[in-house]
Amino acid sequence: MSVYEAGALTLLHLDLYRLRDPGELEHLGLREWARAGNLWLIEWPERAGGLLPPADLTVHLAADADVHRAELTAGTDTGTAWIERSS
């Protein structure tokens, strides 16, 4: 996990690519970071086996030879509000 301070927010980047078993999450000490003011950016969340709360926003990135695409999908009311605000 990498931690970045960004003004009033703390960004937590978690890459679960090397996670072999969802039970390994417990040993990462993530619960102590679960508080207001922290924004989680999680790569490979499917490796958590459903142990994470629903994502507010899912970002799918794709790159072709001449174009890059980002698809945003809301998973909660908060995510919906973020998308509507950015439109």
Protein backbone atom coordinates (compact mmCIF):
# COMPACT_ATOMS: atom_id res chain seq x y z
CA MET A 1 0.00 0.00 0.00
CA SER A 2 1.22 3.48 -0.86
CA VAL A 3 -0.06 6.54 1.00
CA TYR A 4 -0.18 10.04 -0.51
CA GLU A 5 -1.29 13.25 1.17
CA ALA A 6 -3.43 15.43 -1.11
CA GLY A 7 -4.66 18.41 0.85
CA ALA A 8 -7.65 17.40 2.97
CA LEU A 9 -7.60 13.86 1.52
CA THR A 10 -5.29 10.95 2.09
CA LEU A 11 -5.00 8.77 -1.02
CA LEU A 12 -4.41 5.07 -0.37
CA HIS A 13 -3.21 3.10 -3.38
CA LEU A 14 -3.58 -0.63 -2.95
CA ASP A 15 -2.52 -3.10 -5.64
CA LEU A 16 -3.92 -6.57 -4.94
CA TYR A 17 -2.28 -8.21 -7.96
CA ARG A 18 0.00 -10.40 -5.83
CA LEU A 19 -2.72 -11.42 -3.38
CA ARG A 20 -2.96 -15.21 -3.49
CA ASP A 21 -5.83 -15.58 -1.02
CA PRO A 22 -8.46 -13.06 0.13
CA GLY A 23 -7.57 -13.91 3.75
CA GLU A 24 -4.25 -12.12 3.25
CA LEU A 25 -6.11 -8.79 3.42
CA GLU A 26 -6.48 -9.14 7.18
CA HIS A 27 -2.69 -9.06 7.63
CA LEU A 28 -2.32 -5.78 5.72
CA GLY A 29 -3.80 -3.68 8.56
CA LEU A 30 -6.33 -1.99 6.29
CA ARG A 31 -9.00 -1.57 8.97
CA GLU A 32 -7.00 1.16 10.70
CA TRP A 33 -7.18 3.21 7.47
CA ALA A 34 -10.98 2.87 7.11
CA ARG A 35 -12.06 6.37 8.09
CA ALA A 36 -13.44 9.57 6.62
CA GLY A 37 -10.99 11.62 4.59
CA ASN A 38 -9.30 8.59 3.01
CA LEU A 39 -9.79 7.87 -0.67
CA TRP A 40 -8.98 4.31 -1.71
CA LEU A 41 -7.61 3.56 -5.17
CA ILE A 42 -7.60 -0.22 -5.53
CA GLU A 43 -6.18 -2.18 -8.45
CA TRP A 44 -7.31 -5.80 -8.91
CA PRO A 45 -10.12 -5.58 -6.28
CA GLU A 46 -11.57 -8.89 -7.51
CA ARG A 47 -8.62 -10.60 -5.79
CA ALA A 48 -10.20 -9.65 -2.43
CA GLY A 49 -12.92 -12.26 -2.97
CA GLY A 50 -15.80 -9.97 -1.99
CA LEU A 51 -14.21 -8.87 1.32
CA LEU A 52 -14.08 -5.20 0.32
CA PRO A 53 -17.09 -2.91 0.55
CA PRO A 54 -18.76 -1.97 -2.76
CA ALA A 55 -16.75 0.46 -4.85
CA ASP A 56 -18.20 3.95 -5.14
CA LEU A 57 -16.67 4.26 -8.58
CA THR A 58 -15.05 1.75 -10.90
CA VAL A 59 -12.68 2.96 -13.62
CA HIS A 60 -11.90 0.71 -16.57
CA LEU A 61 -8.96 1.85 -18.71
CA ALA A 62 -8.27 0.65 -22.23
CA ALA A 63 -5.57 1.63 -24.69
CA ASP A 64 -5.45 1.00 -28.41
CA ALA A 65 -2.73 2.11 -30.81
CA ASP A 66 -4.29 5.53 -31.37
CA VAL A 67 -6.85 6.05 -28.59
CA HIS A 68 -7.14 5.72 -24.83
CA ARG A 69 -10.49 5.22 -23.12
CA ALA A 70 -11.72 5.49 -19.54
CA GLU A 71 -15.14 4.11 -18.57
CA LEU A 72 -16.60 5.18 -15.23
CA THR A 73 -19.27 3.09 -13.51
CA ALA A 74 -20.99 4.10 -10.30
CA GLY A 75 -21.50 1.39 -7.69
CA THR A 76 -23.09 3.54 -4.99
CA ASP A 77 -25.07 6.76 -4.67
CA THR A 78 -21.80 8.54 -3.86
CA GLY A 79 -20.29 7.30 -7.13
CA THR A 80 -23.37 8.41 -9.05
CA ALA A 81 -23.07 11.89 -7.51
CA TRP A 82 -19.37 12.10 -8.52
CA ILE A 83 -20.19 11.20 -12.12
CA GLU A 84 -23.09 13.65 -12.29
CA ARG A 85 -20.91 16.41 -10.85
CA SER A 86 -18.21 15.85 -13.46
CA SER A 87 -20.63 15.84 -16.41
